[in-house]
Amino acid sequence: MLKIDIKKLSKICLDYKKENGLTQNGMAEMLSLNNQIYGRVERGEHLPKLNQLEIILNVTGKEFVDIIESENERDIFVALKGEAKTEKELEVFNELIEMILCLDKHNNLRENNYGRF
């Protein structure tokens, strides 16, 4: 299943804003979005509603394909697992993949300031 990558959406918004010399308020107004909601989109903390996504993509000249999550990392993991010769190697690959995914999740949480009070 394809998923929307909010980091890609955030980058699109930030790049467009910078290229056009706009402020956050200016972008929010142009997109007919609440400034707080737009700010969260820009920081990669919020996935807007479908109609809001369409507006963002139309204004920035992008398409849905530009914000789809790539599955390259998962493909690499599958390839590694397929190379396992023994049950022990498969077990080690599974543990390694779990650790990498856990670290990636932790990193995403830190980048988005989740967990801070």
Protein backbone atom coordinates (compact mmCIF):
# COMPACT_ATOMS: atom_id res chain seq x y z
CA MET A 1 0.00 0.00 0.00
CA LEU A 2 1.28 3.47 -0.86
CA LYS A 3 1.60 5.99 1.94
CA ILE A 4 2.10 9.73 1.99
CA ASP A 5 5.49 10.83 3.28
CA ILE A 6 4.90 13.91 5.43
CA LYS A 7 8.62 14.74 5.30
CA LYS A 8 8.43 15.03 1.52
CA LEU A 9 5.32 17.21 1.83
CA SER A 10 7.11 19.40 4.37
CA LYS A 11 10.12 19.81 2.06
CA ILE A 12 7.88 20.74 -0.86
CA CYS A 13 6.23 23.45 1.24
CA LEU A 14 9.52 24.78 2.61
CA ASP A 15 11.19 24.81 -0.81
CA TYR A 16 8.25 26.60 -2.45
CA LYS A 17 8.09 29.15 0.35
CA LYS A 18 11.82 29.88 0.07
CA GLU A 19 11.85 29.99 -3.74
CA ASN A 20 8.99 32.51 -3.74
CA GLY A 21 10.18 34.62 -0.82
CA LEU A 22 7.08 33.92 1.24
CA THR A 23 6.57 33.86 4.98
CA GLN A 24 4.77 31.09 6.83
CA ASN A 25 1.73 33.37 7.14
CA GLY A 26 1.91 34.12 3.42
CA MET A 27 2.00 30.44 2.53
CA ALA A 28 -0.89 29.66 4.86
CA GLU A 29 -2.95 32.45 3.35
CA MET A 30 -2.12 31.40 -0.22
CA LEU A 31 -3.16 27.83 0.58
CA SER A 32 -6.30 28.95 2.49
CA LEU A 33 -5.06 27.09 5.55
CA ASN A 34 -5.07 28.08 9.19
CA ASN A 35 -1.58 29.37 10.04
CA GLN A 36 -1.14 26.88 12.90
CA ILE A 37 -2.17 23.94 10.72
CA TYR A 38 0.13 25.06 7.92
CA GLY A 39 2.98 25.44 10.41
CA ARG A 40 2.51 21.85 11.52
CA VAL A 41 2.47 20.69 7.88
CA GLU A 42 5.67 22.62 7.23
CA ARG A 43 7.34 20.99 10.25
CA GLY A 44 6.22 17.52 9.13
CA GLU A 45 3.94 17.09 12.13
CA HIS A 46 0.56 17.04 10.38
CA LEU A 47 -0.95 15.36 7.35
CA PRO A 48 -3.63 17.65 5.94
CA LYS A 49 -7.02 16.56 4.62
CA LEU A 50 -7.23 15.38 1.03
CA ASN A 51 -8.71 18.64 -0.27
CA GLN A 52 -5.94 20.59 1.51
CA LEU A 53 -3.31 18.27 0.01
CA GLU A 54 -4.73 18.93 -3.45
CA ILE A 55 -4.46 22.69 -2.90
CA ILE A 56 -0.86 22.41 -1.66
CA LEU A 57 0.13 20.25 -4.63
CA ASN A 58 -1.64 22.49 -7.15
CA VAL A 59 -0.06 25.68 -5.78
CA THR A 60 3.43 24.18 -5.60
CA GLY A 61 3.13 22.48 -9.00
CA LYS A 62 3.66 19.02 -7.57
CA GLU A 63 1.72 15.77 -7.90
CA PHE A 64 0.72 13.04 -5.47
CA VAL A 65 3.54 10.86 -6.74
CA ASP A 66 5.96 13.48 -5.36
CA ILE A 67 4.80 12.84 -1.78
CA ILE A 68 4.55 9.05 -1.84
CA GLU A 69 6.74 7.20 0.66
CA SER A 70 9.52 5.26 -1.03
CA GLU A 71 9.89 1.65 -0.05
CA ASN A 72 13.57 1.30 -0.91
CA GLU A 73 14.58 0.66 2.72
CA ARG A 74 12.09 -2.17 3.05
CA ASP A 75 13.30 -3.68 -0.25
CA ILE A 76 16.87 -3.72 1.07
CA PHE A 77 15.74 -5.50 4.24
CA VAL A 78 13.90 -8.13 2.22
CA ALA A 79 16.99 -8.66 0.07
CA LEU A 80 19.17 -9.07 3.17
CA LYS A 81 16.80 -11.60 4.66
CA GLY A 82 16.78 -13.50 1.38
CA GLU A 83 20.56 -13.88 1.59
CA ALA A 84 20.41 -15.68 4.95
CA LYS A 85 21.97 -19.13 4.62
CA THR A 86 21.15 -20.51 8.04
CA GLU A 87 18.41 -20.12 10.62
CA LYS A 88 20.87 -18.23 12.84
CA GLU A 89 21.67 -15.73 10.05
CA LEU A 90 17.95 -15.15 9.51
CA GLU A 91 17.52 -14.57 13.24
CA VAL A 92 20.39 -12.05 13.25
CA PHE A 93 18.98 -10.23 10.19
CA ASN A 94 15.57 -10.00 11.85
CA GLU A 95 17.09 -8.56 15.02
CA LEU A 96 19.16 -6.11 12.99
CA ILE A 97 16.11 -4.96 11.02
CA GLU A 98 14.12 -4.50 14.23
CA MET A 99 16.91 -2.37 15.71
CA ILE A 100 17.21 -0.23 12.56
CA LEU A 101 13.45 0.36 12.43
CA CYS A 102 13.39 1.17 16.15
CA LEU A 103 16.25 3.68 15.75
CA ASP A 104 14.53 5.21 12.72
CA LYS A 105 11.30 5.60 14.66
CA HIS A 106 13.19 7.13 17.59
CA ASN A 107 14.96 9.54 15.24
CA ASN A 108 11.64 10.58 13.67
CA LEU A 109 10.20 11.23 17.11
CA ARG A 110 13.19 13.37 18.06
CA GLU A 111 13.06 15.33 14.79
CA ASN A 112 9.38 16.09 15.29
CA ASN A 113 9.85 16.96 18.99
CA TYR A 114 7.39 14.28 20.03
CA GLY A 115 7.72 13.13 23.55
CA ARG A 116 8.83 16.55 24.82
CA PHE A 117 6.66 18.15 27.43
